[in-house]
Amino acid sequence: MITLHYLQCSRSFRILWALEELGIDYQVEYYQRSPNYTAPESLKQIHPLGKAPILVDDAQVIVESAVILDYLQQRYDEQQQFKPQHMEDQHQYLYWMHYAEGSLMPLLVMTLVLNSVSKHVPWVIRPIANKITDGVKAGFVRPRVKEHIIYLEDYLAEHDYFAGAFSFADIQMAFPLMALQKRLHGKYPNIQAFVQRVQERAAFQRAEQKSLDSECV
């Protein structure tokens, strides 16, 4: 049976959601983050890097969200529901699957790291650290994030989903967009509409009930 090793507040939610979309049997091993937000050492018993999500299927140990989604689609999507069949849509599918982690998520992770710097430096140098991180965010991170938001807003103005009909590319993209949604303050209606659209899916709602991420997703 498939086992999903699920780390709290991580990309693991993507895989839980995909499994629910497929409607196949699986089990979940849950892992809580430590007080300093790191993954438990026990995950390294499953994969040397100790990162999540990790999918174990028979003897195969599979990591990285896009790789796991691709594996699940190829092996278990018998009706070819979750990957487009037309060439143009296939190109978009591959593009957005890689864009999510290659272009968008690094900026969001950088923001998260910069926001947490002051918590991990001595109080005496905290004002200096804050000034440096604020400068990096204002001069580099925020302008780049805004470029991506406008790009995505414009794309979603013409497309309900990222690659034709709903596909696993939408699961891949929904994770960063749900994180971004909290910062949009009611703006960018096409992004907001996309997030609402995918969150209304029955499989998403089942996955949400099974997740550890009520404060994260």
N, C-alpha and C. Protein backbone atom coordinates (compact mmCIF):
# COMPACT_ATOMS: atom_id res chain seq x y z
N MET A 1 0.84 -1.20 0.00
CA MET A 1 0.00 0.00 0.00
C MET A 1 0.87 1.25 0.00
N ILE A 2 0.37 2.30 -0.61
CA ILE A 2 1.06 3.59 -0.61
C ILE A 2 1.08 4.17 0.80
N THR A 3 2.24 4.69 1.18
CA THR A 3 2.36 5.42 2.44
C THR A 3 2.88 6.82 2.15
N LEU A 4 2.15 7.80 2.61
CA LEU A 4 2.59 9.19 2.52
C LEU A 4 3.14 9.62 3.87
N HIS A 5 4.40 10.03 3.89
CA HIS A 5 5.01 10.58 5.10
C HIS A 5 4.78 12.09 5.05
N TYR A 6 3.93 12.54 5.96
CA TYR A 6 3.33 13.87 5.90
C TYR A 6 3.88 14.74 7.02
N LEU A 7 4.60 15.79 6.64
CA LEU A 7 5.12 16.74 7.61
C LEU A 7 4.18 17.92 7.74
N GLN A 8 3.88 18.27 8.96
CA GLN A 8 3.01 19.42 9.25
C GLN A 8 3.51 20.68 8.54
N CYS A 9 2.58 21.45 7.99
CA CYS A 9 2.89 22.74 7.35
C CYS A 9 4.00 22.60 6.30
N SER A 10 3.78 21.70 5.38
CA SER A 10 4.76 21.49 4.32
C SER A 10 4.05 21.23 3.00
N ARG A 11 4.84 20.98 1.99
CA ARG A 11 4.30 20.67 0.68
C ARG A 11 3.58 19.32 0.65
N SER A 12 3.61 18.61 1.75
CA SER A 12 2.94 17.30 1.83
C SER A 12 1.47 17.39 1.47
N PHE A 13 0.86 18.56 1.73
CA PHE A 13 -0.57 18.69 1.44
C PHE A 13 -0.88 18.44 -0.02
N ARG A 14 0.04 18.83 -0.90
CA ARG A 14 -0.17 18.59 -2.33
C ARG A 14 -0.43 17.11 -2.60
N ILE A 15 0.35 16.26 -1.97
CA ILE A 15 0.27 14.84 -2.26
C ILE A 15 -0.98 14.23 -1.65
N LEU A 16 -1.31 14.66 -0.45
CA LEU A 16 -2.55 14.21 0.18
C LEU A 16 -3.75 14.55 -0.71
N TRP A 17 -3.75 15.73 -1.23
CA TRP A 17 -4.83 16.19 -2.11
C TRP A 17 -4.87 15.34 -3.39
N ALA A 18 -3.71 15.09 -3.99
CA ALA A 18 -3.66 14.29 -5.22
C ALA A 18 -4.16 12.87 -4.97
N LEU A 19 -3.80 12.29 -3.84
CA LEU A 19 -4.28 10.94 -3.51
C LEU A 19 -5.79 10.92 -3.39
N GLU A 20 -6.35 11.97 -2.81
CA GLU A 20 -7.80 12.05 -2.70
C GLU A 20 -8.45 12.22 -4.08
N GLU A 21 -7.82 12.99 -4.95
CA GLU A 21 -8.35 13.13 -6.31
C GLU A 21 -8.36 11.79 -7.03
N LEU A 22 -7.32 11.00 -6.83
CA LEU A 22 -7.22 9.70 -7.50
C LEU A 22 -8.18 8.67 -6.92
N GLY A 23 -8.54 8.84 -5.65
CA GLY A 23 -9.45 7.91 -5.01
C GLY A 23 -8.87 6.53 -4.79
N ILE A 24 -7.57 6.45 -4.54
CA ILE A 24 -6.92 5.16 -4.32
C ILE A 24 -6.63 4.97 -2.83
N ASP A 25 -6.35 3.74 -2.46
CA ASP A 25 -6.05 3.43 -1.06
C ASP A 25 -4.65 3.91 -0.70
N TYR A 26 -4.53 4.47 0.48
CA TYR A 26 -3.22 4.90 0.97
C TYR A 26 -3.30 5.05 2.48
N GLN A 27 -2.15 5.17 3.09
CA GLN A 27 -2.09 5.47 4.52
C GLN A 27 -1.14 6.63 4.73
N VAL A 28 -1.28 7.29 5.86
CA VAL A 28 -0.48 8.49 6.15
C VAL A 28 0.25 8.31 7.47
N GLU A 29 1.53 8.62 7.46
CA GLU A 29 2.33 8.73 8.68
C GLU A 29 2.56 10.22 8.91
N TYR A 30 2.11 10.72 10.05
CA TYR A 30 2.17 12.16 10.32
C TYR A 30 3.40 12.51 11.16
N TYR A 31 3.98 13.67 10.87
CA TYR A 31 5.15 14.17 11.60
C TYR A 31 4.91 15.63 11.97
N GLN A 32 5.17 15.96 13.22
CA GLN A 32 5.04 17.33 13.69
C GLN A 32 6.38 18.06 13.57
N ARG A 33 6.32 19.33 13.30
CA ARG A 33 7.53 20.14 13.30
C ARG A 33 7.97 20.42 14.73
N SER A 34 9.26 20.66 14.89
CA SER A 34 9.80 21.00 16.20
C SER A 34 9.48 22.46 16.52
N PRO A 35 9.71 22.90 17.76
CA PRO A 35 9.45 24.30 18.11
C PRO A 35 10.21 25.30 17.24
N ASN A 36 11.37 24.92 16.72
CA ASN A 36 12.11 25.82 15.82
C ASN A 36 11.79 25.57 14.35
N TYR A 37 10.69 24.84 14.12
CA TYR A 37 10.09 24.67 12.80
C TYR A 37 10.84 23.69 11.90
N THR A 38 11.75 22.91 12.45
CA THR A 38 12.46 21.94 11.63
C THR A 38 11.73 20.61 11.63
N ALA A 39 12.06 19.78 10.64
CA ALA A 39 11.47 18.45 10.54
C ALA A 39 12.14 17.52 11.55
N PRO A 40 11.42 16.52 12.04
CA PRO A 40 12.02 15.58 13.00
C PRO A 40 13.09 14.72 12.34
N GLU A 41 14.06 14.31 13.13
CA GLU A 41 15.14 13.46 12.63
C GLU A 41 14.62 12.12 12.12
N SER A 42 13.48 11.69 12.62
CA SER A 42 12.95 10.38 12.22
C SER A 42 12.65 10.31 10.72
N LEU A 43 12.43 11.44 10.08
CA LEU A 43 12.19 11.42 8.63
C LEU A 43 13.43 10.95 7.87
N LYS A 44 14.61 11.13 8.46
CA LYS A 44 15.84 10.68 7.79
C LYS A 44 15.94 9.16 7.73
N GLN A 45 15.13 8.49 8.51
CA GLN A 45 15.09 7.03 8.41
C GLN A 45 14.38 6.59 7.14
N ILE A 46 13.57 7.48 6.58
CA ILE A 46 12.85 7.17 5.35
C ILE A 46 13.64 7.63 4.13
N HIS A 47 14.22 8.83 4.22
CA HIS A 47 15.05 9.38 3.15
C HIS A 47 16.19 10.16 3.79
N PRO A 48 17.41 10.05 3.26
CA PRO A 48 18.58 10.67 3.92
C PRO A 48 18.46 12.17 4.16
N LEU A 49 17.74 12.89 3.32
CA LEU A 49 17.61 14.34 3.50
C LEU A 49 16.57 14.71 4.54
N GLY A 50 15.70 13.79 4.88
CA GLY A 50 14.71 14.06 5.93
C GLY A 50 13.72 15.15 5.58
N LYS A 51 13.43 15.31 4.30
CA LYS A 51 12.47 16.32 3.85
C LYS A 51 11.14 15.66 3.52
N ALA A 52 10.09 16.46 3.48
CA ALA A 52 8.77 15.94 3.14
C ALA A 52 8.17 16.82 2.05
N PRO A 53 7.27 16.24 1.24
CA PRO A 53 6.66 14.92 1.37
C PRO A 53 7.57 13.78 0.89
N ILE A 54 7.30 12.61 1.44
CA ILE A 54 7.93 11.38 0.98
C ILE A 54 6.81 10.39 0.70
N LEU A 55 6.84 9.79 -0.46
CA LEU A 55 5.87 8.75 -0.82
C LEU A 55 6.60 7.42 -0.93
N VAL A 56 6.08 6.42 -0.26
CA VAL A 56 6.63 5.07 -0.36
C VAL A 56 5.56 4.19 -1.01
N ASP A 57 5.91 3.59 -2.12
CA ASP A 57 5.00 2.70 -2.85
C ASP A 57 5.75 1.42 -3.16
N ASP A 58 5.34 0.34 -2.51
CA ASP A 58 6.10 -0.91 -2.55
C ASP A 58 7.51 -0.60 -2.04
N ALA A 59 8.53 -0.86 -2.86
CA ALA A 59 9.90 -0.62 -2.40
C ALA A 59 10.42 0.74 -2.84
N GLN A 60 9.63 1.51 -3.52
CA GLN A 60 10.10 2.79 -4.05
C GLN A 60 9.89 3.91 -3.04
N VAL A 61 10.92 4.70 -2.84
CA VAL A 61 10.85 5.89 -2.00
C VAL A 61 11.00 7.10 -2.92
N ILE A 62 9.97 7.93 -2.96
CA ILE A 62 9.91 9.01 -3.94
C ILE A 62 9.78 10.34 -3.19
N VAL A 63 10.59 11.31 -3.58
CA VAL A 63 10.55 12.63 -2.96
C VAL A 63 10.41 13.70 -4.04
N GLU A 64 10.17 14.93 -3.58
CA GLU A 64 9.93 16.12 -4.41
C GLU A 64 8.50 16.10 -4.93
N SER A 65 7.78 17.17 -4.64
CA SER A 65 6.35 17.24 -4.96
C SER A 65 6.05 16.94 -6.42
N ALA A 66 6.75 17.60 -7.32
CA ALA A 66 6.46 17.43 -8.74
C ALA A 66 6.74 16.00 -9.20
N VAL A 67 7.79 15.41 -8.67
CA VAL A 67 8.13 14.03 -9.03
C VAL A 67 7.06 13.07 -8.52
N ILE A 68 6.62 13.28 -7.29
CA ILE A 68 5.58 12.42 -6.72
C ILE A 68 4.28 12.57 -7.50
N LEU A 69 3.90 13.80 -7.81
CA LEU A 69 2.68 14.01 -8.59
C LEU A 69 2.77 13.35 -9.95
N ASP A 70 3.92 13.46 -10.60
CA ASP A 70 4.11 12.83 -11.90
C ASP A 70 4.03 11.32 -11.78
N TYR A 71 4.64 10.77 -10.74
CA TYR A 71 4.59 9.32 -10.52
C TYR A 71 3.16 8.85 -10.31
N LEU A 72 2.42 9.54 -9.45
CA LEU A 72 1.04 9.14 -9.17
C LEU A 72 0.18 9.23 -10.43
N GLN A 73 0.39 10.28 -11.20
CA GLN A 73 -0.41 10.44 -12.42
C GLN A 73 -0.11 9.31 -13.41
N GLN A 74 1.16 9.01 -13.61
CA GLN A 74 1.52 7.99 -14.59
C GLN A 74 1.07 6.60 -14.16
N ARG A 75 1.16 6.33 -12.86
CA ARG A 75 0.86 4.97 -12.41
C ARG A 75 -0.62 4.75 -12.10
N TYR A 76 -1.29 5.76 -11.56
CA TYR A 76 -2.63 5.52 -11.02
C TYR A 76 -3.75 6.29 -11.72
N ASP A 77 -3.42 7.22 -12.58
CA ASP A 77 -4.46 7.99 -13.27
C ASP A 77 -4.88 7.24 -14.53
N GLU A 78 -5.62 6.18 -14.36
CA GLU A 78 -5.96 5.29 -15.47
C GLU A 78 -6.83 5.99 -16.52
N GLN A 79 -7.65 6.92 -16.10
CA GLN A 79 -8.52 7.63 -17.03
C GLN A 79 -7.88 8.90 -17.60
N GLN A 80 -6.63 9.13 -17.24
CA GLN A 80 -5.90 10.32 -17.73
C GLN A 80 -6.68 11.61 -17.45
N GLN A 81 -7.18 11.70 -16.22
CA GLN A 81 -7.96 12.88 -15.84
C GLN A 81 -7.10 14.07 -15.43
N PHE A 82 -5.88 13.79 -14.94
CA PHE A 82 -5.13 14.83 -14.23
C PHE A 82 -3.86 15.28 -14.95
N LYS A 83 -3.75 14.92 -16.23
CA LYS A 83 -2.69 15.45 -17.08
C LYS A 83 -3.29 15.67 -18.46
N PRO A 84 -3.11 16.85 -19.04
CA PRO A 84 -3.75 17.13 -20.33
C PRO A 84 -3.21 16.24 -21.44
N GLN A 85 -4.04 16.03 -22.44
CA GLN A 85 -3.68 15.17 -23.56
C GLN A 85 -3.31 15.97 -24.81
N HIS A 86 -3.69 17.23 -24.87
CA HIS A 86 -3.34 18.06 -26.03
C HIS A 86 -1.95 18.65 -25.85
N MET A 87 -1.20 18.73 -26.95
CA MET A 87 0.20 19.14 -26.90
C MET A 87 0.39 20.50 -26.25
N GLU A 88 -0.42 21.47 -26.63
CA GLU A 88 -0.26 22.82 -26.08
C GLU A 88 -0.49 22.82 -24.57
N ASP A 89 -1.51 22.10 -24.13
CA ASP A 89 -1.78 22.02 -22.69
C ASP A 89 -0.70 21.24 -21.96
N GLN A 90 -0.12 20.25 -22.62
CA GLN A 90 0.97 19.49 -22.00
C GLN A 90 2.17 20.38 -21.74
N HIS A 91 2.45 21.28 -22.67
CA HIS A 91 3.55 22.23 -22.47
C HIS A 91 3.27 23.09 -21.25
N GLN A 92 2.06 23.61 -21.15
CA GLN A 92 1.70 24.42 -19.99
C GLN A 92 1.77 23.61 -18.71
N TYR A 93 1.35 22.38 -18.77
CA TYR A 93 1.40 21.49 -17.60
C TYR A 93 2.83 21.37 -17.07
N LEU A 94 3.76 21.06 -17.96
CA LEU A 94 5.16 20.92 -17.54
C LEU A 94 5.72 22.25 -17.05
N TYR A 95 5.37 23.32 -17.75
CA TYR A 95 5.87 24.63 -17.36
C TYR A 95 5.45 24.98 -15.94
N TRP A 96 4.17 24.89 -15.63
CA TRP A 96 3.69 25.30 -14.31
C TRP A 96 4.13 24.34 -13.23
N MET A 97 4.29 23.06 -13.56
CA MET A 97 4.80 22.11 -12.57
C MET A 97 6.19 22.52 -12.09
N HIS A 98 7.00 23.04 -13.02
CA HIS A 98 8.36 23.44 -12.66
C HIS A 98 8.44 24.89 -12.18
N TYR A 99 7.61 25.74 -12.73
CA TYR A 99 7.59 27.15 -12.32
C TYR A 99 7.30 27.28 -10.83
N ALA A 100 6.39 26.48 -10.32
CA ALA A 100 5.96 26.61 -8.92
C ALA A 100 7.14 26.57 -7.97
N GLU A 101 8.02 25.59 -8.15
CA GLU A 101 9.16 25.45 -7.24
C GLU A 101 10.42 26.11 -7.77
N GLY A 102 10.53 26.27 -9.08
CA GLY A 102 11.74 26.85 -9.64
C GLY A 102 11.77 28.37 -9.63
N SER A 103 10.59 29.01 -9.72
CA SER A 103 10.53 30.46 -9.82
C SER A 103 9.81 31.13 -8.66
N LEU A 104 8.64 30.59 -8.28
CA LEU A 104 7.80 31.29 -7.31
C LEU A 104 8.15 30.96 -5.87
N MET A 105 8.24 29.68 -5.55
CA MET A 105 8.47 29.30 -4.15
C MET A 105 9.78 29.82 -3.57
N PRO A 106 10.89 29.90 -4.34
CA PRO A 106 12.11 30.45 -3.74
C PRO A 106 11.92 31.85 -3.18
N LEU A 107 11.13 32.68 -3.86
CA LEU A 107 10.88 34.03 -3.35
C LEU A 107 10.05 34.00 -2.08
N LEU A 108 9.07 33.10 -2.01
CA LEU A 108 8.24 33.01 -0.82
C LEU A 108 9.03 32.46 0.36
N VAL A 109 9.90 31.49 0.09
CA VAL A 109 10.75 30.95 1.15
C VAL A 109 11.74 32.01 1.63
N MET A 110 12.30 32.77 0.69
CA MET A 110 13.21 33.85 1.08
C MET A 110 12.51 34.86 1.98
N THR A 111 11.27 35.18 1.66
CA THR A 111 10.50 36.09 2.50
C THR A 111 10.32 35.52 3.89
N LEU A 112 9.99 34.24 3.97
CA LEU A 112 9.81 33.58 5.27
C LEU A 112 11.09 33.62 6.09
N VAL A 113 12.21 33.34 5.44
CA VAL A 113 13.50 33.35 6.14
C VAL A 113 13.84 34.75 6.62
N LEU A 114 13.70 35.73 5.76
CA LEU A 114 14.02 37.11 6.15
C LEU A 114 13.13 37.60 7.28
N ASN A 115 11.87 37.19 7.27
CA ASN A 115 10.96 37.60 8.34
C ASN A 115 11.33 37.00 9.69
N SER A 116 12.05 35.88 9.65
CA SER A 116 12.38 35.20 10.91
C SER A 116 13.78 35.52 11.42
N VAL A 117 14.55 36.30 10.67
CA VAL A 117 15.94 36.57 11.06
C VAL A 117 16.02 37.20 12.44
N SER A 118 15.19 38.19 12.71
CA SER A 118 15.30 38.93 13.97
C SER A 118 15.03 38.04 15.18
N LYS A 119 14.33 36.94 14.99
CA LYS A 119 14.04 36.03 16.10
C LYS A 119 15.26 35.21 16.50
N HIS A 120 16.26 35.18 15.61
CA HIS A 120 17.39 34.28 15.82
C HIS A 120 18.72 35.02 15.98
N VAL A 121 18.67 36.32 16.24
CA VAL A 121 19.89 37.07 16.48
C VAL A 121 19.81 37.73 17.86
N PRO A 122 20.94 38.00 18.50
CA PRO A 122 20.91 38.68 19.81
C PRO A 122 20.19 40.02 19.72
N TRP A 123 19.48 40.36 20.79
CA TRP A 123 18.66 41.57 20.77
C TRP A 123 19.48 42.82 20.49
N VAL A 124 20.75 42.80 20.89
CA VAL A 124 21.57 44.00 20.75
C VAL A 124 21.82 44.35 19.28
N ILE A 125 21.83 43.36 18.40
CA ILE A 125 22.05 43.65 16.97
C ILE A 125 20.76 43.50 16.16
N ARG A 126 19.65 43.29 16.85
CA ARG A 126 18.38 43.09 16.14
C ARG A 126 17.99 44.29 15.28
N PRO A 127 18.16 45.54 15.76
CA PRO A 127 17.81 46.68 14.89
C PRO A 127 18.62 46.70 13.59
N ILE A 128 19.90 46.33 13.69
CA ILE A 128 20.73 46.30 12.48
C ILE A 128 20.27 45.20 11.54
N ALA A 129 20.00 44.02 12.12
CA ALA A 129 19.52 42.90 11.30
C ALA A 129 18.21 43.24 10.61
N ASN A 130 17.31 43.89 11.35
CA ASN A 130 16.02 44.27 10.77
C ASN A 130 16.20 45.26 9.62
N LYS A 131 17.14 46.19 9.80
CA LYS A 131 17.37 47.18 8.75
C LYS A 131 17.89 46.51 7.48
N ILE A 132 18.78 45.54 7.65
CA ILE A 132 19.33 44.83 6.50
C ILE A 132 18.25 44.02 5.80
N THR A 133 17.50 43.23 6.58
CA THR A 133 16.47 42.38 5.97
C THR A 133 15.36 43.21 5.34
N ASP A 134 15.00 44.32 5.99
CA ASP A 134 13.98 45.19 5.40
C ASP A 134 14.44 45.75 4.06
N GLY A 135 15.74 46.06 3.98
CA GLY A 135 16.28 46.57 2.72
C GLY A 135 16.25 45.53 1.62
N VAL A 136 16.58 44.29 1.98
CA VAL A 136 16.55 43.20 0.99
C VAL A 136 15.12 42.96 0.51
N LYS A 137 14.19 42.95 1.45
CA LYS A 137 12.78 42.72 1.08
C LYS A 137 12.26 43.85 0.19
N ALA A 138 12.55 45.09 0.58
CA ALA A 138 12.03 46.23 -0.17
C ALA A 138 12.71 46.37 -1.54
N GLY A 139 14.01 46.10 -1.59
CA GLY A 139 14.75 46.33 -2.81
C GLY A 139 14.77 45.18 -3.78
N PHE A 140 14.54 43.97 -3.27
CA PHE A 140 14.63 42.80 -4.15
C PHE A 140 13.41 41.90 -4.10
N VAL A 141 13.05 41.43 -2.91
CA VAL A 141 12.04 40.38 -2.82
C VAL A 141 10.66 40.88 -3.21
N ARG A 142 10.19 41.95 -2.58
CA ARG A 142 8.82 42.41 -2.85
C ARG A 142 8.59 42.78 -4.31
N PRO A 143 9.52 43.51 -4.95
CA PRO A 143 9.30 43.80 -6.38
C PRO A 143 9.21 42.54 -7.24
N ARG A 144 10.04 41.53 -6.92
CA ARG A 144 9.99 40.29 -7.70
C ARG A 144 8.69 39.54 -7.45
N VAL A 145 8.26 39.49 -6.20
CA VAL A 145 7.00 38.82 -5.89
C VAL A 145 5.85 39.51 -6.61
N LYS A 146 5.86 40.83 -6.62
CA LYS A 146 4.78 41.56 -7.30
C LYS A 146 4.77 41.26 -8.79
N GLU A 147 5.94 41.15 -9.40
CA GLU A 147 6.00 40.78 -10.82
C GLU A 147 5.31 39.45 -11.07
N HIS A 148 5.57 38.50 -10.20
CA HIS A 148 4.96 37.17 -10.35
C HIS A 148 3.46 37.23 -10.12
N ILE A 149 3.04 38.01 -9.13
CA ILE A 149 1.60 38.12 -8.86
C ILE A 149 0.87 38.69 -10.07
N ILE A 150 1.42 39.74 -10.67
CA ILE A 150 0.79 40.35 -11.84
C ILE A 150 0.78 39.36 -13.01
N TYR A 151 1.88 38.65 -13.19
CA TYR A 151 1.97 37.63 -14.24
C TYR A 151 0.89 36.57 -14.07
N LEU A 152 0.73 36.06 -12.86
CA LEU A 152 -0.26 35.03 -12.58
C LEU A 152 -1.68 35.57 -12.69
N GLU A 153 -1.89 36.77 -12.21
CA GLU A 153 -3.21 37.39 -12.31
C GLU A 153 -3.63 37.54 -13.77
N ASP A 154 -2.70 37.96 -14.61
CA ASP A 154 -3.02 38.12 -16.03
C ASP A 154 -3.28 36.77 -16.70
N TYR A 155 -2.50 35.77 -16.33
CA TYR A 155 -2.72 34.44 -16.92
C TYR A 155 -4.08 33.88 -16.53
N LEU A 156 -4.41 34.01 -15.26
CA LEU A 156 -5.68 33.47 -14.77
C LEU A 156 -6.88 34.29 -15.22
N ALA A 157 -6.65 35.47 -15.73
CA ALA A 157 -7.75 36.24 -16.33
C ALA A 157 -8.29 35.54 -17.57
N GLU A 158 -7.46 34.72 -18.20
CA GLU A 158 -7.85 34.06 -19.44
C GLU A 158 -7.97 32.55 -19.30
N HIS A 159 -7.64 32.01 -18.13
CA HIS A 159 -7.66 30.56 -17.94
C HIS A 159 -8.25 30.23 -16.57
N ASP A 160 -9.18 29.30 -16.53
CA ASP A 160 -9.71 28.85 -15.24
C ASP A 160 -8.69 28.01 -14.49
N TYR A 161 -7.90 27.25 -15.24
CA TYR A 161 -6.87 26.38 -14.66
C TYR A 161 -5.57 26.59 -15.42
N PHE A 162 -4.49 26.00 -14.94
CA PHE A 162 -3.18 26.32 -15.50
C PHE A 162 -2.85 25.55 -16.77
N ALA A 163 -3.52 24.44 -17.03
CA ALA A 163 -3.19 23.65 -18.22
C ALA A 163 -4.45 23.02 -18.80
N GLY A 164 -5.34 23.86 -19.27
CA GLY A 164 -6.60 23.35 -19.79
C GLY A 164 -7.58 23.09 -18.66
N ALA A 165 -8.06 21.85 -18.57
CA ALA A 165 -8.93 21.45 -17.47
C ALA A 165 -8.10 21.25 -16.21
N PHE A 166 -8.77 21.05 -15.07
CA PHE A 166 -8.05 20.83 -13.82
C PHE A 166 -7.07 19.68 -13.98
N SER A 167 -5.86 19.86 -13.45
CA SER A 167 -4.82 18.84 -13.53
C SER A 167 -3.94 18.93 -12.30
N PHE A 168 -2.97 18.04 -12.23
CA PHE A 168 -2.04 18.07 -11.10
C PHE A 168 -1.17 19.33 -11.12
N ALA A 169 -1.08 20.00 -12.26
CA ALA A 169 -0.38 21.29 -12.29
C ALA A 169 -1.08 22.31 -11.40
N ASP A 170 -2.39 22.20 -11.29
CA ASP A 170 -3.14 23.11 -10.41
C ASP A 170 -2.88 22.80 -8.95
N ILE A 171 -2.69 21.54 -8.62
CA ILE A 171 -2.31 21.19 -7.25
C ILE A 171 -0.94 21.76 -6.94
N GLN A 172 -0.02 21.63 -7.88
CA GLN A 172 1.33 22.15 -7.68
C GLN A 172 1.31 23.67 -7.49
N MET A 173 0.52 24.36 -8.29
CA MET A 173 0.47 25.82 -8.22
C MET A 173 -0.38 26.33 -7.06
N ALA A 174 -1.36 25.57 -6.64
CA ALA A 174 -2.26 26.05 -5.58
C ALA A 174 -1.52 26.28 -4.28
N PHE A 175 -0.49 25.49 -4.00
CA PHE A 175 0.22 25.61 -2.72
C PHE A 175 0.81 27.01 -2.55
N PRO A 176 1.64 27.51 -3.48
CA PRO A 176 2.15 28.87 -3.29
C PRO A 176 1.07 29.94 -3.40
N LEU A 177 0.05 29.70 -4.21
CA LEU A 177 -0.99 30.72 -4.34
C LEU A 177 -1.83 30.83 -3.08
N MET A 178 -2.04 29.72 -2.39
CA MET A 178 -2.76 29.80 -1.11
C MET A 178 -1.92 30.55 -0.08
N ALA A 179 -0.60 30.38 -0.14
CA ALA A 179 0.27 31.13 0.76
C ALA A 179 0.24 32.62 0.41
N LEU A 180 0.26 32.92 -0.87
CA LEU A 180 0.23 34.32 -1.31
C LEU A 180 -1.10 34.99 -1.01
N GLN A 181 -2.17 34.22 -1.06
CA GLN A 181 -3.51 34.80 -0.91
C GLN A 181 -3.65 35.62 0.36
N LYS A 182 -2.95 35.21 1.41
CA LYS A 182 -3.04 35.92 2.68
C LYS A 182 -2.49 37.34 2.58
N ARG A 183 -1.66 37.61 1.56
CA ARG A 183 -1.04 38.93 1.42
C ARG A 183 -1.73 39.80 0.37
N LEU A 184 -2.73 39.26 -0.28
CA LEU A 184 -3.33 39.99 -1.40
C LEU A 184 -4.36 41.02 -0.96
N HIS A 185 -4.86 40.88 0.26
CA HIS A 185 -5.78 41.86 0.85
C HIS A 185 -6.97 42.17 -0.06
N GLY A 186 -7.53 41.12 -0.62
CA GLY A 186 -8.72 41.28 -1.45
C GLY A 186 -8.45 41.73 -2.87
N LYS A 187 -7.20 41.99 -3.22
CA LYS A 187 -6.84 42.39 -4.58
C LYS A 187 -6.62 41.14 -5.44
N TYR A 188 -6.36 41.36 -6.71
CA TYR A 188 -6.06 40.30 -7.67
C TYR A 188 -7.17 39.23 -7.68
N PRO A 189 -8.33 39.60 -8.21
CA PRO A 189 -9.50 38.73 -8.14
C PRO A 189 -9.35 37.41 -8.89
N ASN A 190 -8.52 37.37 -9.92
CA ASN A 190 -8.38 36.12 -10.67
C ASN A 190 -7.62 35.07 -9.87
N ILE A 191 -6.60 35.51 -9.14
CA ILE A 191 -5.91 34.58 -8.24
C ILE A 191 -6.85 34.12 -7.14
N GLN A 192 -7.58 35.05 -6.57
CA GLN A 192 -8.54 34.71 -5.51
C GLN A 192 -9.57 33.71 -6.02
N ALA A 193 -10.05 33.92 -7.24
CA ALA A 193 -11.07 33.04 -7.81
C ALA A 193 -10.51 31.64 -8.06
N PHE A 194 -9.26 31.58 -8.52
CA PHE A 194 -8.64 30.26 -8.72
C PHE A 194 -8.53 29.50 -7.42
N VAL A 195 -8.04 30.17 -6.39
CA VAL A 195 -7.90 29.50 -5.09
C VAL A 195 -9.25 29.02 -4.59
N GLN A 196 -10.25 29.85 -4.69
CA GLN A 196 -11.59 29.44 -4.26
C GLN A 196 -12.09 28.25 -5.07
N ARG A 197 -11.82 28.27 -6.37
CA ARG A 197 -12.29 27.21 -7.26
C ARG A 197 -11.70 25.86 -6.86
N VAL A 198 -10.40 25.82 -6.61
CA VAL A 198 -9.79 24.53 -6.28
C VAL A 198 -10.14 24.10 -4.85
N GLN A 199 -10.31 25.07 -3.96
CA GLN A 199 -10.67 24.72 -2.59
C GLN A 199 -12.10 24.18 -2.49
N GLU A 200 -12.91 24.43 -3.48
CA GLU A 200 -14.27 23.90 -3.49
C GLU A 200 -14.34 22.46 -3.96
N ARG A 201 -13.25 21.93 -4.48
CA ARG A 201 -13.24 20.54 -4.92
C ARG A 201 -13.39 19.61 -3.72
N ALA A 202 -14.17 18.56 -3.91
CA ALA A 202 -14.43 17.62 -2.81
C ALA A 202 -13.13 16.98 -2.32
N ALA A 203 -12.23 16.66 -3.24
CA ALA A 203 -10.97 16.02 -2.85
C ALA A 203 -10.12 16.95 -2.01
N PHE A 204 -10.11 18.23 -2.34
CA PHE A 204 -9.38 19.21 -1.53
C PHE A 204 -9.93 19.22 -0.12
N GLN A 205 -11.23 19.26 0.01
CA GLN A 205 -11.86 19.35 1.33
C GLN A 205 -11.63 18.09 2.15
N ARG A 206 -11.62 16.93 1.49
CA ARG A 206 -11.30 15.70 2.22
C ARG A 206 -9.85 15.73 2.70
N ALA A 207 -8.96 16.19 1.83
CA ALA A 207 -7.55 16.27 2.21
C ALA A 207 -7.34 17.25 3.35
N GLU A 208 -8.04 18.36 3.31
CA GLU A 208 -7.91 19.36 4.36
C GLU A 208 -8.32 18.79 5.71
N GLN A 209 -9.35 17.97 5.72
CA GLN A 209 -9.80 17.36 6.97
C GLN A 209 -8.78 16.37 7.53
N LYS A 210 -7.97 15.78 6.64
CA LYS A 210 -6.98 14.79 7.06
C LYS A 210 -5.61 15.42 7.33
N SER A 211 -5.45 16.69 7.03
CA SER A 211 -4.14 17.32 7.14
C SER A 211 -3.88 17.78 8.57
N LEU A 212 -2.63 18.21 8.79
CA LEU A 212 -2.24 18.81 10.07
C LEU A 212 -2.13 20.32 9.94
N ASP A 213 -2.71 20.87 8.88
CA ASP A 213 -2.34 22.21 8.45
C ASP A 213 -3.44 23.25 8.60
N SER A 214 -4.25 23.13 9.60
CA SER A 214 -5.35 24.09 9.75
C SER A 214 -4.84 25.53 9.86
N GLU A 215 -3.61 25.71 10.33
CA GLU A 215 -3.05 27.06 10.46
C GLU A 215 -2.05 27.37 9.36
N CYS A 216 -1.91 26.45 8.41
CA CYS A 216 -0.88 26.63 7.39
C CYS A 216 -1.46 26.74 6.00
N VAL A 217 -2.45 25.93 5.66
CA VAL A 217 -2.97 25.87 4.30
C VAL A 217 -3.99 26.96 4.09
